[in-house]
Every structure is written in C-alpha cells, then in structure tokens.
N, C-alpha and C. Protein backbone atom coordinates (compact mmCIF):
# COMPACT_ATOMS: atom_id res chain seq x y z
N VAL A 1 -22.85 2.12 -5.81
CA VAL A 1 -23.79 1.39 -5.00
C VAL A 1 -24.91 2.35 -4.62
N GLN A 2 -26.15 1.98 -4.86
CA GLN A 2 -27.30 2.79 -4.45
C GLN A 2 -27.75 2.31 -3.07
N LEU A 3 -27.79 3.22 -2.10
CA LEU A 3 -28.09 2.86 -0.72
C LEU A 3 -29.39 3.48 -0.24
N ASP A 4 -30.08 2.77 0.64
CA ASP A 4 -31.23 3.31 1.36
C ASP A 4 -30.68 3.88 2.65
N ASP A 5 -30.62 5.21 2.72
CA ASP A 5 -30.10 5.86 3.92
C ASP A 5 -31.20 6.50 4.75
N GLY A 6 -32.43 6.09 4.48
CA GLY A 6 -33.55 6.62 5.23
C GLY A 6 -34.13 7.90 4.65
N THR A 7 -33.53 8.44 3.59
CA THR A 7 -34.05 9.64 2.93
C THR A 7 -34.91 9.21 1.74
N PRO A 8 -35.79 10.10 1.26
CA PRO A 8 -36.66 9.72 0.15
C PRO A 8 -35.92 9.27 -1.12
N ASP A 9 -34.78 9.89 -1.43
CA ASP A 9 -34.07 9.57 -2.67
C ASP A 9 -32.93 8.58 -2.50
N GLY A 10 -32.58 8.24 -1.28
CA GLY A 10 -31.44 7.34 -1.08
C GLY A 10 -30.13 8.07 -1.34
N ARG A 11 -29.08 7.30 -1.51
CA ARG A 11 -27.74 7.88 -1.66
C ARG A 11 -26.91 6.98 -2.56
N GLN A 12 -26.16 7.59 -3.46
CA GLN A 12 -25.23 6.83 -4.30
C GLN A 12 -23.83 6.98 -3.73
N VAL A 13 -23.16 5.85 -3.56
CA VAL A 13 -21.80 5.84 -3.03
C VAL A 13 -20.93 4.99 -3.94
N CYS A 14 -19.80 5.55 -4.36
CA CYS A 14 -18.82 4.79 -5.13
C CYS A 14 -17.87 4.13 -4.14
N ALA A 15 -17.70 2.83 -4.26
CA ALA A 15 -16.88 2.09 -3.31
C ALA A 15 -16.00 1.10 -4.07
N GLY A 16 -14.74 1.01 -3.71
CA GLY A 16 -13.82 0.09 -4.36
C GLY A 16 -13.86 -1.30 -3.74
N ILE A 17 -15.03 -1.93 -3.75
CA ILE A 17 -15.19 -3.23 -3.10
C ILE A 17 -15.53 -4.34 -4.08
N ARG A 18 -15.49 -4.05 -5.36
CA ARG A 18 -15.90 -5.03 -6.38
C ARG A 18 -15.09 -6.33 -6.30
N ALA A 19 -13.82 -6.25 -5.94
CA ALA A 19 -12.99 -7.45 -5.86
C ALA A 19 -13.38 -8.36 -4.70
N TRP A 20 -14.14 -7.83 -3.75
CA TRP A 20 -14.48 -8.60 -2.55
C TRP A 20 -15.96 -8.91 -2.41
N TYR A 21 -16.81 -8.11 -3.05
CA TYR A 21 -18.26 -8.29 -2.93
C TYR A 21 -18.93 -8.21 -4.30
N THR A 22 -19.86 -9.12 -4.55
CA THR A 22 -20.66 -9.04 -5.77
C THR A 22 -21.85 -8.12 -5.49
N PRO A 23 -22.48 -7.59 -6.54
CA PRO A 23 -23.68 -6.77 -6.31
C PRO A 23 -24.76 -7.55 -5.54
N GLU A 24 -24.89 -8.83 -5.84
CA GLU A 24 -25.90 -9.65 -5.16
C GLU A 24 -25.62 -9.76 -3.65
N GLU A 25 -24.35 -9.82 -3.27
CA GLU A 25 -24.00 -9.91 -1.85
C GLU A 25 -24.33 -8.61 -1.10
N MET A 26 -24.37 -7.50 -1.82
CA MET A 26 -24.63 -6.22 -1.18
C MET A 26 -26.12 -5.94 -0.98
N VAL A 27 -26.97 -6.63 -1.74
CA VAL A 27 -28.42 -6.41 -1.63
C VAL A 27 -28.88 -6.79 -0.22
N GLY A 28 -29.53 -5.87 0.45
CA GLY A 28 -30.06 -6.12 1.79
C GLY A 28 -29.05 -5.98 2.91
N LYS A 29 -27.78 -5.77 2.58
CA LYS A 29 -26.74 -5.64 3.61
C LYS A 29 -26.84 -4.25 4.25
N ARG A 30 -26.85 -4.21 5.56
CA ARG A 30 -26.89 -2.93 6.28
C ARG A 30 -25.45 -2.53 6.56
N VAL A 31 -24.99 -1.50 5.85
CA VAL A 31 -23.60 -1.08 5.95
C VAL A 31 -23.50 0.24 6.71
N ILE A 32 -22.32 0.49 7.24
CA ILE A 32 -22.03 1.73 7.94
C ILE A 32 -21.42 2.69 6.92
N ILE A 33 -21.97 3.90 6.83
CA ILE A 33 -21.44 4.87 5.87
C ILE A 33 -21.09 6.18 6.56
N ILE A 34 -20.20 6.93 5.92
CA ILE A 34 -19.96 8.32 6.28
C ILE A 34 -20.79 9.13 5.30
N ALA A 35 -21.76 9.87 5.82
CA ALA A 35 -22.71 10.57 4.95
C ALA A 35 -22.48 12.08 4.90
N ASN A 36 -21.64 12.62 5.77
CA ASN A 36 -21.50 14.08 5.82
C ASN A 36 -20.30 14.56 5.00
N LEU A 37 -20.03 13.90 3.89
CA LEU A 37 -18.96 14.32 2.98
C LEU A 37 -19.56 15.09 1.81
N GLU A 38 -18.80 16.01 1.25
CA GLU A 38 -19.22 16.71 0.04
C GLU A 38 -19.27 15.70 -1.10
N PRO A 39 -20.28 15.76 -1.97
CA PRO A 39 -20.32 14.86 -3.13
C PRO A 39 -19.08 15.04 -4.00
N ARG A 40 -18.56 13.93 -4.53
CA ARG A 40 -17.38 13.95 -5.41
C ARG A 40 -17.66 13.10 -6.63
N THR A 41 -17.05 13.45 -7.74
CA THR A 41 -17.15 12.65 -8.94
C THR A 41 -16.00 11.65 -8.95
N ILE A 42 -16.34 10.37 -9.00
CA ILE A 42 -15.35 9.30 -9.03
C ILE A 42 -15.66 8.42 -10.23
N ARG A 43 -14.71 8.35 -11.16
CA ARG A 43 -14.88 7.58 -12.39
C ARG A 43 -16.18 7.92 -13.10
N GLY A 44 -16.50 9.20 -13.14
CA GLY A 44 -17.67 9.67 -13.86
C GLY A 44 -18.99 9.55 -13.12
N GLU A 45 -18.97 9.07 -11.89
CA GLU A 45 -20.19 8.91 -11.09
C GLU A 45 -20.10 9.81 -9.85
N ILE A 46 -21.24 10.32 -9.42
CA ILE A 46 -21.29 11.11 -8.19
C ILE A 46 -21.33 10.17 -6.99
N SER A 47 -20.42 10.41 -6.05
CA SER A 47 -20.40 9.64 -4.80
C SER A 47 -20.80 10.58 -3.67
N GLN A 48 -21.81 10.18 -2.90
CA GLN A 48 -22.35 11.01 -1.83
C GLN A 48 -22.01 10.46 -0.45
N GLY A 49 -20.88 9.82 -0.32
CA GLY A 49 -20.48 9.28 0.97
C GLY A 49 -19.43 8.20 0.81
N MET A 50 -19.20 7.47 1.89
CA MET A 50 -18.18 6.43 1.89
C MET A 50 -18.66 5.25 2.72
N ILE A 51 -18.52 4.04 2.18
CA ILE A 51 -18.82 2.83 2.94
C ILE A 51 -17.60 2.49 3.78
N LEU A 52 -17.80 2.26 5.07
CA LEU A 52 -16.68 1.91 5.94
C LEU A 52 -16.38 0.42 5.85
N ALA A 53 -15.10 0.10 5.85
CA ALA A 53 -14.67 -1.29 5.76
C ALA A 53 -13.37 -1.46 6.54
N ALA A 54 -13.14 -2.67 6.97
CA ALA A 54 -11.88 -3.04 7.63
C ALA A 54 -11.05 -3.83 6.63
N SER A 55 -9.75 -3.79 6.81
CA SER A 55 -8.84 -4.51 5.93
C SER A 55 -8.07 -5.53 6.74
N ASP A 56 -8.14 -6.78 6.31
CA ASP A 56 -7.43 -7.87 6.96
C ASP A 56 -6.25 -8.22 6.05
N ILE A 57 -5.06 -7.80 6.43
CA ILE A 57 -3.88 -8.02 5.60
C ILE A 57 -3.46 -9.48 5.70
N LYS A 58 -3.40 -10.14 4.54
CA LYS A 58 -3.04 -11.56 4.47
C LYS A 58 -1.54 -11.76 4.28
N GLU A 59 -0.91 -10.83 3.56
CA GLU A 59 0.52 -10.98 3.26
C GLU A 59 1.12 -9.60 3.10
N VAL A 60 2.35 -9.43 3.58
CA VAL A 60 3.06 -8.16 3.50
C VAL A 60 4.30 -8.34 2.64
N GLY A 61 4.54 -7.39 1.75
CA GLY A 61 5.71 -7.44 0.88
C GLY A 61 6.97 -7.04 1.61
N GLU A 62 8.11 -7.11 0.90
CA GLU A 62 9.40 -6.78 1.50
C GLU A 62 9.46 -5.33 1.98
N ASN A 63 8.74 -4.44 1.29
CA ASN A 63 8.76 -3.02 1.68
C ASN A 63 7.74 -2.70 2.77
N GLY A 64 7.02 -3.70 3.25
CA GLY A 64 6.04 -3.49 4.31
C GLY A 64 4.64 -3.17 3.84
N ASP A 65 4.46 -3.00 2.52
CA ASP A 65 3.13 -2.72 1.98
C ASP A 65 2.33 -4.01 1.85
N PRO A 66 1.01 -3.92 2.02
CA PRO A 66 0.17 -5.12 1.84
C PRO A 66 0.25 -5.65 0.41
N VAL A 67 0.47 -6.94 0.26
CA VAL A 67 0.48 -7.59 -1.05
C VAL A 67 -0.88 -8.20 -1.31
N GLU A 68 -1.44 -8.79 -0.30
CA GLU A 68 -2.76 -9.41 -0.41
C GLU A 68 -3.55 -9.05 0.84
N ARG A 69 -4.81 -8.68 0.62
CA ARG A 69 -5.65 -8.34 1.77
C ARG A 69 -7.09 -8.71 1.47
N ASP A 70 -7.86 -8.78 2.54
CA ASP A 70 -9.29 -9.01 2.44
C ASP A 70 -9.97 -7.76 2.96
N VAL A 71 -11.05 -7.34 2.32
CA VAL A 71 -11.79 -6.16 2.75
C VAL A 71 -13.13 -6.63 3.30
N ILE A 72 -13.46 -6.17 4.50
CA ILE A 72 -14.69 -6.56 5.18
C ILE A 72 -15.51 -5.31 5.43
N VAL A 73 -16.67 -5.22 4.77
CA VAL A 73 -17.57 -4.08 4.94
C VAL A 73 -18.15 -4.12 6.35
N LEU A 74 -18.15 -2.97 7.02
CA LEU A 74 -18.70 -2.91 8.38
C LEU A 74 -20.22 -2.89 8.34
N THR A 75 -20.82 -3.73 9.17
CA THR A 75 -22.27 -3.85 9.24
C THR A 75 -22.70 -3.78 10.71
N THR A 76 -24.01 -3.83 10.93
CA THR A 76 -24.53 -3.87 12.29
C THR A 76 -24.76 -5.32 12.70
N ASP A 77 -24.71 -5.59 13.99
CA ASP A 77 -24.96 -6.97 14.44
C ASP A 77 -26.43 -7.23 14.73
N ARG A 78 -27.25 -6.18 14.69
CA ARG A 78 -28.70 -6.30 14.85
C ARG A 78 -29.39 -5.43 13.81
N PRO A 79 -30.62 -5.74 13.47
CA PRO A 79 -31.34 -4.88 12.52
C PRO A 79 -31.47 -3.46 13.08
N THR A 80 -31.15 -2.49 12.25
CA THR A 80 -31.28 -1.09 12.62
C THR A 80 -31.97 -0.35 11.48
N PRO A 81 -32.73 0.68 11.78
CA PRO A 81 -33.40 1.43 10.71
C PRO A 81 -32.39 2.12 9.80
N ALA A 82 -32.70 2.17 8.51
CA ALA A 82 -31.85 2.88 7.55
C ALA A 82 -31.73 4.33 8.00
N GLY A 83 -30.50 4.86 7.96
CA GLY A 83 -30.27 6.24 8.35
C GLY A 83 -29.97 6.44 9.82
N SER A 84 -29.89 5.36 10.59
CA SER A 84 -29.58 5.50 12.02
C SER A 84 -28.21 6.13 12.20
N PRO A 85 -28.07 7.08 13.13
CA PRO A 85 -26.76 7.69 13.34
C PRO A 85 -25.80 6.72 14.03
N VAL A 86 -24.53 6.90 13.77
CA VAL A 86 -23.48 6.13 14.43
C VAL A 86 -22.99 6.97 15.60
N SER A 87 -22.85 6.33 16.74
CA SER A 87 -22.36 7.09 17.90
C SER A 87 -21.38 6.25 18.69
C-alpha cells in the first residue's frame, strides 16, 4: 500500500488486509500507522511501517484459536493532516 504520510515521497507499507479491503476501499482512507520501524522486506517488497487494525473474532476453534475474524483498519473520526502524530 502506498501511503501519503506527509513526507515528499510518501511511504510504502505491506499489510495483510487484502482479504478484508479492496484497493479501491483504501483510496482516500486515513489510516493509523506505526512509522518508526526499520524497513523490512516482505514478499519481495520493502515495508516502511505498519497499518494498525483491530480484529473482531467471529468464531473460536476448539483449541481457542480464532477460526474466523474480521479485520478493521484503524482510522480517525475527523479529518487530520497526513503525518499527524498519534498521542
């Protein structure tokens, strides 16, 4: 995912959200990210941070592990400038 984080070049973040969000749904969405992580290569792509998300467990298996869940990307409830710090 290419993000506008308020810097001239933006930021690329690899996120495992494809099962829950289409690329079109992510356009214009203001997401909360962790930006102070060292870049890592994930599946051949450089990831420069992490998108924060909550997990809503729909069903739990016999061993207590989630069998089905929904992932909800964390956003702001009001418009905020790209790159605003979280506090």
